C-alpha atoms as a PDB file:
ATOM      1  CA  MET A   1      16.521  -5.164 -23.911  1.00  0.00           C
ATOM      2  CA  PRO A   2      13.011  -4.366 -23.571  1.00  0.00           C
ATOM      3  CA  GLU A   3      12.225  -1.939 -20.183  1.00  0.00           C
ATOM      4  CA  VAL A   4      10.198  -3.518 -17.455  1.00  0.00           C
ATOM      5  CA  LYS A   5       7.205  -1.531 -16.740  1.00  0.00           C
ATOM      6  CA  THR A   6       7.259  -1.069 -11.903  1.00  0.00           C
ATOM      7  CA  GLU A   7       5.108   1.262 -11.839  1.00  0.00           C
ATOM      8  CA  LYS A   8       1.501   0.674 -10.748  1.00  0.00           C
ATOM      9  CA  PRO A   9      -1.324   2.022 -12.982  1.00  0.00           C
ATOM     10  CA  HIS A  10      -3.344   4.635 -11.199  1.00  0.00           C
ATOM     11  CA  LEU A  11      -7.191   5.340 -10.989  1.00  0.00           C
ATOM     12  CA  LEU A  12      -7.068   7.387 -14.095  1.00  0.00           C
ATOM     13  CA  ASP A  13      -5.342   5.213 -16.549  1.00  0.00           C
ATOM     14  CA  MET A  14      -7.064   1.836 -15.969  1.00  0.00           C
ATOM     15  CA  GLY A  15     -10.052   0.860 -18.148  1.00  0.00           C
ATOM     16  CA  LYS A  16     -13.435  -0.152 -17.610  1.00  0.00           C
ATOM     17  CA  PRO A  17     -12.299  -3.954 -16.847  1.00  0.00           C
ATOM     18  CA  GLN A  18     -10.233  -3.076 -14.334  1.00  0.00           C
ATOM     19  CA  LEU A  19     -12.427  -0.291 -12.777  1.00  0.00           C
ATOM     20  CA  ARG A  20     -14.760  -2.703 -11.335  1.00  0.00           C
ATOM     21  CA  MET A  21     -12.145  -4.060  -9.741  1.00  0.00           C
ATOM     22  CA  VAL A  22     -11.714  -0.558  -7.241  1.00  0.00           C
ATOM     23  CA  ASP A  23     -12.655  -1.406  -4.126  1.00  0.00           C
ATOM     24  CA  LEU A  24     -15.286   1.697  -3.386  1.00  0.00           C
ATOM     25  CA  ASN A  25     -15.177   1.524   0.170  1.00  0.00           C
ATOM     26  CA  LEU A  26     -11.729   3.266  -0.094  1.00  0.00           C
ATOM     27  CA  LEU A  27     -13.462   6.287  -1.131  1.00  0.00           C
ATOM     28  CA  THR A  28     -15.690   6.261   1.997  1.00  0.00           C
ATOM     29  CA  VAL A  29     -12.351   6.381   4.117  1.00  0.00           C
ATOM     30  CA  PHE A  30     -10.829   8.745   1.871  1.00  0.00           C
ATOM     31  CA  ASP A  31     -14.394  11.195   2.705  1.00  0.00           C
ATOM     32  CA  ALA A  32     -13.890  10.482   6.070  1.00  0.00           C
ATOM     33  CA  VAL A  33     -10.711  11.667   6.220  1.00  0.00           C
ATOM     34  CA  MET A  34     -10.572  14.659   3.734  1.00  0.00           C
ATOM     35  CA  GLN A  35     -13.256  15.655   6.704  1.00  0.00           C
ATOM     36  CA  GLU A  36     -11.147  14.905  10.003  1.00  0.00           C
ATOM     37  CA  GLN A  37      -8.125  15.696   8.759  1.00  0.00           C
ATOM     38  CA  ASN A  38      -6.910  12.973  11.147  1.00  0.00           C
ATOM     39  CA  ILE A  39      -6.314   9.406  10.427  1.00  0.00           C
ATOM     40  CA  THR A  40      -7.836   7.953  14.127  1.00  0.00           C
ATOM     41  CA  ARG A  41     -10.519  10.210  13.965  1.00  0.00           C
ATOM     42  CA  ALA A  42     -11.851   9.349  10.786  1.00  0.00           C
ATOM     43  CA  ALA A  43     -11.043   5.545  12.130  1.00  0.00           C
ATOM     44  CA  HIS A  44     -13.676   6.598  14.975  1.00  0.00           C
ATOM     45  CA  THR A  45     -16.381   8.039  12.469  1.00  0.00           C
ATOM     46  CA  LEU A  46     -16.036   5.090  10.376  1.00  0.00           C
ATOM     47  CA  GLY A  47     -15.614   2.104  13.166  1.00  0.00           C
ATOM     48  CA  MET A  48     -13.127   1.172  12.545  1.00  0.00           C
ATOM     49  CA  SER A  49      -9.099   0.983  13.526  1.00  0.00           C
ATOM     50  CA  GLN A  50      -7.299   3.138  13.000  1.00  0.00           C
ATOM     51  CA  PRO A  51      -4.081   0.402  11.335  1.00  0.00           C
ATOM     52  CA  ALA A  52      -7.078  -0.273   8.969  1.00  0.00           C
ATOM     53  CA  VAL A  53      -7.408   3.246   8.172  1.00  0.00           C
ATOM     54  CA  SER A  54      -4.019   3.764   7.463  1.00  0.00           C
ATOM     55  CA  ASN A  55      -4.239   0.493   5.193  1.00  0.00           C
ATOM     56  CA  ALA A  56      -6.324   2.028   3.168  1.00  0.00           C
ATOM     57  CA  VAL A  57      -5.137   5.603   3.198  1.00  0.00           C
ATOM     58  CA  ALA A  58      -2.006   3.886   1.550  1.00  0.00           C
ATOM     59  CA  ARG A  59      -4.392   1.533  -1.135  1.00  0.00           C
ATOM     60  CA  LEU A  60      -5.721   5.149  -1.345  1.00  0.00           C
ATOM     61  CA  LYS A  61      -2.273   6.857  -2.198  1.00  0.00           C
ATOM     62  CA  VAL A  62      -1.380   3.713  -4.923  1.00  0.00           C
ATOM     63  CA  MET A  63      -4.397   3.965  -6.344  1.00  0.00           C
ATOM     64  CA  PHE A  64      -4.319   8.108  -6.940  1.00  0.00           C
ATOM     65  CA  ASN A  65      -0.641   7.912  -7.188  1.00  0.00           C
ATOM     66  CA  ASP A  66       0.137  10.643  -4.917  1.00  0.00           C
ATOM     67  CA  GLU A  67       0.776  10.920  -1.683  1.00  0.00           C
ATOM     68  CA  LEU A  68      -3.118  12.626  -1.040  1.00  0.00           C
ATOM     69  CA  PHE A  69      -2.054  13.075   3.052  1.00  0.00           C
ATOM     70  CA  VAL A  70       0.666  14.565   4.573  1.00  0.00           C
ATOM     71  CA  ARG A  71       1.591  15.343   8.003  1.00  0.00           C
ATOM     72  CA  TYR A  72       0.481  18.609   9.499  1.00  0.00           C
ATOM     73  CA  GLY A  73       1.159  19.004  13.221  1.00  0.00           C
ATOM     74  CA  ARG A  74      -1.187  16.485  14.766  1.00  0.00           C
ATOM     75  CA  GLY A  75      -3.486  15.550  12.096  1.00  0.00           C
ATOM     76  CA  ILE A  76      -2.889  15.373   8.010  1.00  0.00           C
ATOM     77  CA  GLN A  77      -3.195  17.976   5.588  1.00  0.00           C
ATOM     78  CA  PRO A  78      -5.011  17.085   2.051  1.00  0.00           C
ATOM     79  CA  THR A  79      -2.388  17.646  -0.964  1.00  0.00           C
ATOM     80  CA  ALA A  80      -3.617  19.835  -3.637  1.00  0.00           C
ATOM     81  CA  ARG A  81      -4.272  16.111  -5.962  1.00  0.00           C
ATOM     82  CA  ALA A  82      -6.157  15.160  -2.864  1.00  0.00           C
ATOM     83  CA  PHE A  83      -8.509  18.482  -3.121  1.00  0.00           C
ATOM     84  CA  GLN A  84      -9.278  18.086  -6.491  1.00  0.00           C
ATOM     85  CA  LEU A  85     -10.951  14.359  -5.689  1.00  0.00           C
END
């Protein structure tokens, strides 16, 4: 029986055609969250709602195949992978 692949490919495994499908606006959200280290403040900075930023971060996590941010007190802290990006 062939193995079924359930994991989605992440950004670094994508070829050029797939990379064109990446929403580059997510990188703006990533930058704001890195700067603010708080989803709500990042949303305010971007003029977006908190749920919209949370959704964007969730998409980034899938795209980069990493948690990217972990809760720390009242904010979030970037993972080592987030700092690499």
